[in-house]
Amino acid sequence: MKKQLLILLSLLMVLALSTCMCPSSGGGGDDDYDGYDGYDGGDDDNDTYYDDDFGDDDNTYDDDTYDDDTYDDDTYDDDTYDDDTYDDDTYDDDTYDDDTYDDDEAPVLSDGGWDPTTTILGEFEGYDEPYYYSALFWSVCDLDNDLLGGQVFVYVSGTTDPFLTGDLYWADLNNPPDSDLGNAGDCGSPVQTGINILFAPQSNPTQAPPGTYCCDIEASDDLGNISNLLTNLCVTHDP
């Protein structure tokens, strides 16, 4: 059966779990329509120094259209690192181009589960008696590598009701170097993380009624991009 579990987060034990578990330039010319070389605003000339001509082949920091400038803000060119639309830039923030590592990537969650799959007694700093607990774990990667401003959402399975009390942030779980969530950009080698969840004290083992508890996990990054959903991660409490 599925139950909502109000739990206590032990961030100290989360850390223990994590360890276990420039520019080019060219010469000006005399082909200006206005008769002046360099720094002018004439049309269709061949100036090279920071001008604002339309349709020329300047290469340094200008704002021409249809040219091959570098580091400017042109449209339909082939610049790198600018902010154009429909071009083939890399690492920029364009729409509909073939950028790599832009800022639209959501976190990817995988390999979730509980360890152990049935709660056991353990001692935790700050608590005066042993508690029944299990560790909820999962792995994550994020191509933009901007997890730490984001949040982790743990729901009662099949709902959006909270499984945990309180908010859980990636920064709470960050434990470099063993679980370095600030360096999670490689989806070929996702980072494993997790948290110990306390069910009931030894003196009152049915504080959390015996049974099976299932949850789903979703997460966001610093820009609010939402991950995939890990579903039906279940643990048994049978004191």
C-alpha atoms as a PDB file:
ATOM      1  CA  MET A   1       0.000   0.000   0.000  1.00  0.00           C
ATOM      2  CA  LYS A   2       1.109   3.583  -0.588  1.00  0.00           C
ATOM      3  CA  LYS A   3       1.297   5.997   2.317  1.00  0.00           C
ATOM      4  CA  GLN A   4       2.492   9.536   2.772  1.00  0.00           C
ATOM      5  CA  LEU A   5       5.473   9.513   5.091  1.00  0.00           C
ATOM      6  CA  LEU A   6       6.347  12.564   7.175  1.00  0.00           C
ATOM      7  CA  ILE A   7      10.054  12.191   7.734  1.00  0.00           C
ATOM      8  CA  LEU A   8      13.035  13.969   9.212  1.00  0.00           C
ATOM      9  CA  LEU A   9      15.950  14.963   6.989  1.00  0.00           C
ATOM     10  CA  SER A  10      19.384  14.332   8.440  1.00  0.00           C
ATOM     11  CA  LEU A  11      21.698  16.382   6.227  1.00  0.00           C
ATOM     12  CA  LEU A  12      24.741  15.132   8.116  1.00  0.00           C
ATOM     13  CA  MET A  13      23.781  11.614   7.113  1.00  0.00           C
ATOM     14  CA  VAL A  14      23.155  12.720   3.553  1.00  0.00           C
ATOM     15  CA  LEU A  15      26.826  13.566   3.368  1.00  0.00           C
ATOM     16  CA  ALA A  16      27.792  10.206   4.860  1.00  0.00           C
ATOM     17  CA  LEU A  17      25.568   8.477   2.312  1.00  0.00           C
ATOM     18  CA  SER A  18      27.132  10.379  -0.528  1.00  0.00           C
ATOM     19  CA  THR A  19      30.600   9.174   0.387  1.00  0.00           C
ATOM     20  CA  CYS A  20      29.320   5.660   0.421  1.00  0.00           C
ATOM     21  CA  MET A  21      27.391   5.520  -2.164  1.00  0.00           C
ATOM     22  CA  CYS A  22      41.428  39.608 -30.009  1.00  0.00           C
ATOM     23  CA  PRO A  23      40.096  40.211 -32.576  1.00  0.00           C
ATOM     24  CA  SER A  24      41.293  39.958 -36.152  1.00  0.00           C
ATOM     25  CA  SER A  25      41.854  43.172 -38.118  1.00  0.00           C
ATOM     26  CA  GLY A  26      42.481  44.126 -41.724  1.00  0.00           C
ATOM     27  CA  GLY A  27      43.550  47.202 -43.594  1.00  0.00           C
ATOM     28  CA  GLY A  28      41.141  49.994 -44.406  1.00  0.00           C
ATOM     29  CA  GLY A  29      40.513  50.904 -48.002  1.00  0.00           C
ATOM     30  CA  ASP A  30      39.553  53.912 -50.119  1.00  0.00           C
ATOM     31  CA  ASP A  31      36.265  52.462 -51.278  1.00  0.00           C
ATOM     32  CA  ASP A  32      33.978  54.353 -48.838  1.00  0.00           C
ATOM     33  CA  TYR A  33      31.027  56.043 -50.443  1.00  0.00           C
ATOM     34  CA  ASP A  34      31.493  58.931 -48.013  1.00  0.00           C
ATOM     35  CA  GLY A  35      35.202  59.305 -48.734  1.00  0.00           C
ATOM     36  CA  TYR A  36      36.594  58.380 -45.312  1.00  0.00           C
ATOM     37  CA  ASP A  37      38.351  55.224 -44.165  1.00  0.00           C
ATOM     38  CA  GLY A  38      37.824  53.532 -40.784  1.00  0.00           C
ATOM     39  CA  TYR A  39      35.263  54.126 -38.050  1.00  0.00           C
ATOM     40  CA  ASP A  40      32.645  55.500 -40.402  1.00  0.00           C
ATOM     41  CA  GLY A  41      29.053  54.590 -41.026  1.00  0.00           C
ATOM     42  CA  GLY A  42      28.971  54.385 -44.791  1.00  0.00           C
ATOM     43  CA  ASP A  43      27.255  51.566 -46.669  1.00  0.00           C
ATOM     44  CA  ASP A  44      28.847  48.682 -48.588  1.00  0.00           C
ATOM     45  CA  ASP A  45      32.493  49.640 -47.994  1.00  0.00           C
ATOM     46  CA  ASN A  46      35.402  47.561 -46.776  1.00  0.00           C
ATOM     47  CA  ASP A  47      36.353  49.260 -43.490  1.00  0.00           C
ATOM     48  CA  THR A  48      37.879  47.149 -40.791  1.00  0.00           C
ATOM     49  CA  TYR A  49      37.708  49.108 -37.532  1.00  0.00           C
ATOM     50  CA  TYR A  50      34.547  48.929 -35.459  1.00  0.00           C
ATOM     51  CA  ASP A  51      32.226  50.615 -37.963  1.00  0.00           C
ATOM     52  CA  ASP A  52      28.573  49.853 -38.476  1.00  0.00           C
ATOM     53  CA  ASP A  53      28.340  49.381 -42.227  1.00  0.00           C
ATOM     54  CA  PHE A  54      25.680  47.226 -43.851  1.00  0.00           C
ATOM     55  CA  GLY A  55      26.761  44.327 -46.000  1.00  0.00           C
ATOM     56  CA  ASP A  56      30.546  44.677 -45.773  1.00  0.00           C
ATOM     57  CA  ASP A  57      33.106  42.152 -44.689  1.00  0.00           C
ATOM     58  CA  ASP A  58      34.443  43.723 -41.506  1.00  0.00           C
ATOM     59  CA  ASN A  59      35.747  41.296 -38.950  1.00  0.00           C
ATOM     60  CA  THR A  60      36.044  43.195 -35.695  1.00  0.00           C
ATOM     61  CA  TYR A  61      33.208  43.709 -33.225  1.00  0.00           C
ATOM     62  CA  ASP A  62      30.867  45.612 -35.552  1.00  0.00           C
ATOM     63  CA  ASP A  63      27.157  45.019 -35.962  1.00  0.00           C
ATOM     64  CA  ASP A  64      26.811  44.371 -39.683  1.00  0.00           C
ATOM     65  CA  THR A  65      24.176  42.111 -41.151  1.00  0.00           C
ATOM     66  CA  TYR A  66      24.947  39.106 -43.403  1.00  0.00           C
ATOM     67  CA  ASP A  67      28.708  39.318 -42.820  1.00  0.00           C
ATOM     68  CA  ASP A  68      31.107  36.906 -41.182  1.00  0.00           C
ATOM     69  CA  ASP A  69      31.998  38.872 -38.064  1.00  0.00           C
ATOM     70  CA  THR A  70      33.127  37.244 -34.884  1.00  0.00           C
ATOM     71  CA  TYR A  71      31.638  38.080 -31.458  1.00  0.00           C
ATOM     72  CA  ASP A  72      28.980  40.413 -32.878  1.00  0.00           C
ATOM     73  CA  ASP A  73      25.215  40.139 -32.862  1.00  0.00           C
ATOM     74  CA  ASP A  74      24.464  39.594 -36.557  1.00  0.00           C
ATOM     75  CA  THR A  75      21.614  37.581 -37.988  1.00  0.00           C
ATOM     76  CA  TYR A  76      22.106  34.672 -40.426  1.00  0.00           C
ATOM     77  CA  ASP A  77      25.910  34.603 -40.145  1.00  0.00           C
ATOM     78  CA  ASP A  78      28.240  31.894 -38.964  1.00  0.00           C
ATOM     79  CA  ASP A  79      29.689  33.525 -35.883  1.00  0.00           C
ATOM     80  CA  THR A  80      30.728  31.594 -32.829  1.00  0.00           C
ATOM     81  CA  TYR A  81      29.764  32.618 -29.281  1.00  0.00           C
ATOM     82  CA  ASP A  82      27.288  35.302 -30.396  1.00  0.00           C
ATOM     83  CA  ASP A  83      23.552  35.404 -29.863  1.00  0.00           C
ATOM     84  CA  ASP A  84      22.249  34.960 -33.408  1.00  0.00           C
ATOM     85  CA  THR A  85      19.125  33.158 -34.488  1.00  0.00           C
ATOM     86  CA  TYR A  86      19.132  30.327 -37.070  1.00  0.00           C
ATOM     87  CA  ASP A  87      22.936  30.146 -37.269  1.00  0.00           C
ATOM     88  CA  ASP A  88      25.277  27.322 -36.403  1.00  0.00           C
ATOM     89  CA  ASP A  89      26.885  28.756 -33.274  1.00  0.00           C
ATOM     90  CA  THR A  90      28.225  26.665 -30.482  1.00  0.00           C
ATOM     91  CA  TYR A  91      27.634  27.419 -26.789  1.00  0.00           C
ATOM     92  CA  ASP A  92      25.255  30.323 -27.498  1.00  0.00           C
ATOM     93  CA  ASP A  93      21.621  30.807 -26.604  1.00  0.00           C
ATOM     94  CA  ASP A  94      20.001  30.631 -30.029  1.00  0.00           C
ATOM     95  CA  THR A  95      16.700  29.121 -31.010  1.00  0.00           C
ATOM     96  CA  TYR A  96      16.406  26.547 -33.823  1.00  0.00           C
ATOM     97  CA  ASP A  97      20.168  26.259 -34.428  1.00  0.00           C
ATOM     98  CA  ASP A  98      22.398  23.304 -33.678  1.00  0.00           C
ATOM     99  CA  ASP A  99      24.050  24.621 -30.539  1.00  0.00           C
ATOM    100  CA  THR A 100      25.671  22.317 -28.069  1.00  0.00           C
ATOM    101  CA  TYR A 101      25.416  22.912 -24.323  1.00  0.00           C
ATOM    102  CA  ASP A 102      23.013  25.833 -24.446  1.00  0.00           C
ATOM    103  CA  ASP A 103      20.919  26.660 -21.395  1.00  0.00           C
ATOM    104  CA  ASP A 104      17.760  24.723 -22.305  1.00  0.00           C
ATOM    105  CA  GLU A 105      18.866  21.332 -21.015  1.00  0.00           C
ATOM    106  CA  ALA A 106      16.906  19.809 -18.133  1.00  0.00           C
ATOM    107  CA  PRO A 107      18.401  17.475 -15.527  1.00  0.00           C
ATOM    108  CA  VAL A 108      18.240  13.754 -16.299  1.00  0.00           C
ATOM    109  CA  LEU A 109      17.458  11.433 -13.384  1.00  0.00           C
ATOM    110  CA  SER A 110      18.205   7.689 -13.423  1.00  0.00           C
ATOM    111  CA  ASP A 111      18.884   4.600 -11.301  1.00  0.00           C
ATOM    112  CA  GLY A 112      16.651   5.393  -8.338  1.00  0.00           C
ATOM    113  CA  GLY A 113      15.930   3.055  -5.464  1.00  0.00           C
ATOM    114  CA  TRP A 114      16.192   2.355  -1.742  1.00  0.00           C
ATOM    115  CA  ASP A 115      19.052   0.765   0.184  1.00  0.00           C
ATOM    116  CA  PRO A 116      18.140  -1.387   2.006  1.00  0.00           C
ATOM    117  CA  THR A 117      14.743  -2.238   0.563  1.00  0.00           C
ATOM    118  CA  THR A 118      13.420  -2.877   4.099  1.00  0.00           C
ATOM    119  CA  THR A 119      14.050  -0.371   6.893  1.00  0.00           C
ATOM    120  CA  ILE A 120      16.675  -1.165   9.517  1.00  0.00           C
ATOM    121  CA  LEU A 121      17.759   0.423  12.793  1.00  0.00           C
ATOM    122  CA  GLY A 122      20.562   2.960  12.741  1.00  0.00           C
ATOM    123  CA  GLU A 123      22.031   5.589  15.051  1.00  0.00           C
ATOM    124  CA  PHE A 124      22.112   9.230  13.974  1.00  0.00           C
ATOM    125  CA  GLU A 125      23.810  12.217  15.560  1.00  0.00           C
ATOM    126  CA  GLY A 126      21.255  14.475  17.189  1.00  0.00           C
ATOM    127  CA  TYR A 127      18.823  11.672  18.035  1.00  0.00           C
ATOM    128  CA  ASP A 128      18.853  10.021  21.445  1.00  0.00           C
ATOM    129  CA  GLU A 129      17.847   6.558  20.247  1.00  0.00           C
ATOM    130  CA  PRO A 130      18.155   4.410  17.116  1.00  0.00           C
ATOM    131  CA  TYR A 131      15.694   4.981  14.242  1.00  0.00           C
ATOM    132  CA  TYR A 132      14.337   2.736  11.545  1.00  0.00           C
ATOM    133  CA  TYR A 133      15.598   4.176   8.276  1.00  0.00           C
ATOM    134  CA  SER A 134      16.470   3.512   4.669  1.00  0.00           C
ATOM    135  CA  ALA A 135      18.428   5.531   2.101  1.00  0.00           C
ATOM    136  CA  LEU A 136      16.647   6.891  -0.960  1.00  0.00           C
ATOM    137  CA  PHE A 137      19.191   7.212  -3.793  1.00  0.00           C
ATOM    138  CA  TRP A 138      19.291   8.208  -7.464  1.00  0.00           C
ATOM    139  CA  SER A 139      21.708   9.480 -10.108  1.00  0.00           C
ATOM    140  CA  VAL A 140      21.631  12.754 -12.022  1.00  0.00           C
ATOM    141  CA  CYS A 141      23.334  14.550 -14.880  1.00  0.00           C
ATOM    142  CA  ASP A 142      22.720  18.001 -16.358  1.00  0.00           C
ATOM    143  CA  LEU A 143      24.430  19.091 -19.582  1.00  0.00           C
ATOM    144  CA  ASP A 144      24.226  22.756 -18.554  1.00  0.00           C
ATOM    145  CA  ASN A 145      25.815  21.873 -15.216  1.00  0.00           C
ATOM    146  CA  ASP A 146      23.605  24.300 -13.307  1.00  0.00           C
ATOM    147  CA  LEU A 147      21.915  22.027 -10.774  1.00  0.00           C
ATOM    148  CA  LEU A 148      22.905  23.766  -7.561  1.00  0.00           C
ATOM    149  CA  GLY A 149      20.298  26.523  -7.751  1.00  0.00           C
ATOM    150  CA  GLY A 150      17.561  23.942  -8.320  1.00  0.00           C
ATOM    151  CA  GLN A 151      15.356  21.750  -6.196  1.00  0.00           C
ATOM    152  CA  VAL A 152      14.487  18.061  -5.737  1.00  0.00           C
ATOM    153  CA  PHE A 153      10.814  17.092  -5.444  1.00  0.00           C
ATOM    154  CA  VAL A 154       9.864  13.773  -3.841  1.00  0.00           C
ATOM    155  CA  TYR A 155       6.188  12.882  -4.210  1.00  0.00           C
ATOM    156  CA  VAL A 156       3.902  10.178  -2.907  1.00  0.00           C
ATOM    157  CA  SER A 157       3.960   7.831  -5.893  1.00  0.00           C
ATOM    158  CA  GLY A 158       1.364   8.600  -8.558  1.00  0.00           C
ATOM    159  CA  THR A 159       0.518  11.997  -7.035  1.00  0.00           C
ATOM    160  CA  THR A 160       2.066  15.430  -6.517  1.00  0.00           C
ATOM    161  CA  ASP A 161       1.614  15.184  -2.740  1.00  0.00           C
ATOM    162  CA  PRO A 162       4.905  15.675  -0.877  1.00  0.00           C
ATOM    163  CA  PHE A 163       6.578  12.529   0.412  1.00  0.00           C
ATOM    164  CA  LEU A 164       8.971  14.529   2.599  1.00  0.00           C
ATOM    165  CA  THR A 165       8.469  17.354   5.041  1.00  0.00           C
ATOM    166  CA  GLY A 166      10.294  20.524   4.082  1.00  0.00           C
ATOM    167  CA  ASP A 167      12.103  21.545   0.902  1.00  0.00           C
ATOM    168  CA  LEU A 168      15.087  19.703  -0.533  1.00  0.00           C
ATOM    169  CA  TYR A 169      17.669  21.497  -2.701  1.00  0.00           C
ATOM    170  CA  TRP A 170      20.546  20.145  -4.755  1.00  0.00           C
ATOM    171  CA  ALA A 171      22.861  22.325  -2.684  1.00  0.00           C
ATOM    172  CA  ASP A 172      21.794  20.356   0.422  1.00  0.00           C
ATOM    173  CA  LEU A 173      22.990  17.144  -1.208  1.00  0.00           C
ATOM    174  CA  ASN A 174      26.216  18.460  -2.722  1.00  0.00           C
ATOM    175  CA  ASN A 175      29.197  16.600  -1.258  1.00  0.00           C
ATOM    176  CA  PRO A 176      32.279  16.907  -3.469  1.00  0.00           C
ATOM    177  CA  PRO A 177      34.331  15.106  -4.482  1.00  0.00           C
ATOM    178  CA  ASP A 178      32.352  11.900  -3.930  1.00  0.00           C
ATOM    179  CA  SER A 179      28.992  13.363  -4.924  1.00  0.00           C
ATOM    180  CA  ASP A 180      29.929  16.547  -6.775  1.00  0.00           C
ATOM    181  CA  LEU A 181      26.637  17.988  -8.005  1.00  0.00           C
ATOM    182  CA  GLY A 182      28.425  21.110  -9.207  1.00  0.00           C
ATOM    183  CA  ASN A 183      30.161  18.928 -11.792  1.00  0.00           C
ATOM    184  CA  ALA A 184      27.337  16.811 -13.188  1.00  0.00           C
ATOM    185  CA  GLY A 185      27.590  17.657 -16.881  1.00  0.00           C
ATOM    186  CA  ASP A 186      28.651  14.215 -18.127  1.00  0.00           C
ATOM    187  CA  CYS A 187      25.582  12.080 -18.821  1.00  0.00           C
ATOM    188  CA  GLY A 188      27.853   9.158 -19.609  1.00  0.00           C
ATOM    189  CA  SER A 189      28.858   9.196 -15.956  1.00  0.00           C
ATOM    190  CA  PRO A 190      26.002  10.610 -13.868  1.00  0.00           C
ATOM    191  CA  VAL A 191      26.530  11.613 -10.238  1.00  0.00           C
ATOM    192  CA  GLN A 192      24.901   9.453  -7.556  1.00  0.00           C
ATOM    193  CA  THR A 193      23.299  11.176  -4.603  1.00  0.00           C
ATOM    194  CA  GLY A 194      20.720  10.394  -1.948  1.00  0.00           C
ATOM    195  CA  ILE A 195      19.377  10.979   1.528  1.00  0.00           C
ATOM    196  CA  ASN A 196      18.703   8.887   4.618  1.00  0.00           C
ATOM    197  CA  ILE A 197      15.019   8.889   5.529  1.00  0.00           C
ATOM    198  CA  LEU A 198      13.987   8.218   9.117  1.00  0.00           C
ATOM    199  CA  PHE A 199      10.751   6.290   9.604  1.00  0.00           C
ATOM    200  CA  ALA A 200      10.257   5.655  13.320  1.00  0.00           C
ATOM    201  CA  PRO A 201      12.179   5.496  16.609  1.00  0.00           C
ATOM    202  CA  GLN A 202      13.068   2.145  18.152  1.00  0.00           C
ATOM    203  CA  SER A 203      10.802   2.916  21.109  1.00  0.00           C
ATOM    204  CA  ASN A 204       7.788   3.499  18.846  1.00  0.00           C
ATOM    205  CA  PRO A 205       8.405   1.459  15.679  1.00  0.00           C
ATOM    206  CA  THR A 206       4.845   1.822  14.395  1.00  0.00           C
ATOM    207  CA  GLN A 207       5.002   5.634  14.426  1.00  0.00           C
ATOM    208  CA  ALA A 208       5.196   5.037  10.700  1.00  0.00           C
ATOM    209  CA  PRO A 209       2.646   2.254  10.154  1.00  0.00           C
ATOM    210  CA  PRO A 210       4.158  -0.962   8.787  1.00  0.00           C
ATOM    211  CA  GLY A 211       3.746  -1.355   5.052  1.00  0.00           C
ATOM    212  CA  THR A 212       5.199  -0.394   1.686  1.00  0.00           C
ATOM    213  CA  TYR A 213       6.005   3.229   0.944  1.00  0.00           C
ATOM    214  CA  CYS A 214       6.468   4.328  -2.670  1.00  0.00           C
ATOM    215  CA  CYS A 215       7.646   7.646  -4.073  1.00  0.00           C
ATOM    216  CA  ASP A 216       8.415   9.467  -7.327  1.00  0.00           C
ATOM    217  CA  ILE A 217      11.305  11.907  -7.818  1.00  0.00           C
ATOM    218  CA  GLU A 218      11.468  14.985 -10.071  1.00  0.00           C
ATOM    219  CA  ALA A 219      13.912  17.889 -10.026  1.00  0.00           C
ATOM    220  CA  SER A 220      14.706  21.324 -11.431  1.00  0.00           C
ATOM    221  CA  ASP A 221      17.936  23.142 -12.270  1.00  0.00           C
ATOM    222  CA  ASP A 222      18.905  26.744 -11.572  1.00  0.00           C
ATOM    223  CA  LEU A 223      16.846  28.015 -14.551  1.00  0.00           C
ATOM    224  CA  GLY A 224      13.752  26.024 -13.634  1.00  0.00           C
ATOM    225  CA  ASN A 225      14.092  23.345 -16.326  1.00  0.00           C
ATOM    226  CA  ILE A 226      12.229  20.242 -15.100  1.00  0.00           C
ATOM    227  CA  SER A 227      13.694  16.745 -15.251  1.00  0.00           C
ATOM    228  CA  ASN A 228      12.155  13.439 -16.169  1.00  0.00           C
ATOM    229  CA  LEU A 229      10.191  11.646 -13.439  1.00  0.00           C
ATOM    230  CA  LEU A 230      11.549   8.589 -11.619  1.00  0.00           C
ATOM    231  CA  THR A 231       8.526   6.564 -10.567  1.00  0.00           C
ATOM    232  CA  ASN A 232       7.416   3.880  -8.138  1.00  0.00           C
ATOM    233  CA  LEU A 233      10.507   3.686  -5.916  1.00  0.00           C
ATOM    234  CA  CYS A 234       9.372   1.512  -3.010  1.00  0.00           C
ATOM    235  CA  VAL A 235      10.648   0.530   0.442  1.00  0.00           C
ATOM    236  CA  THR A 236       9.081  -1.697   3.115  1.00  0.00           C
ATOM    237  CA  HIS A 237       8.816  -0.712   6.771  1.00  0.00           C
ATOM    238  CA  ASP A 238       8.322  -3.906   8.759  1.00  0.00           C
ATOM    239  CA  PRO A 239       9.722  -3.446  12.273  1.00  0.00           C
END
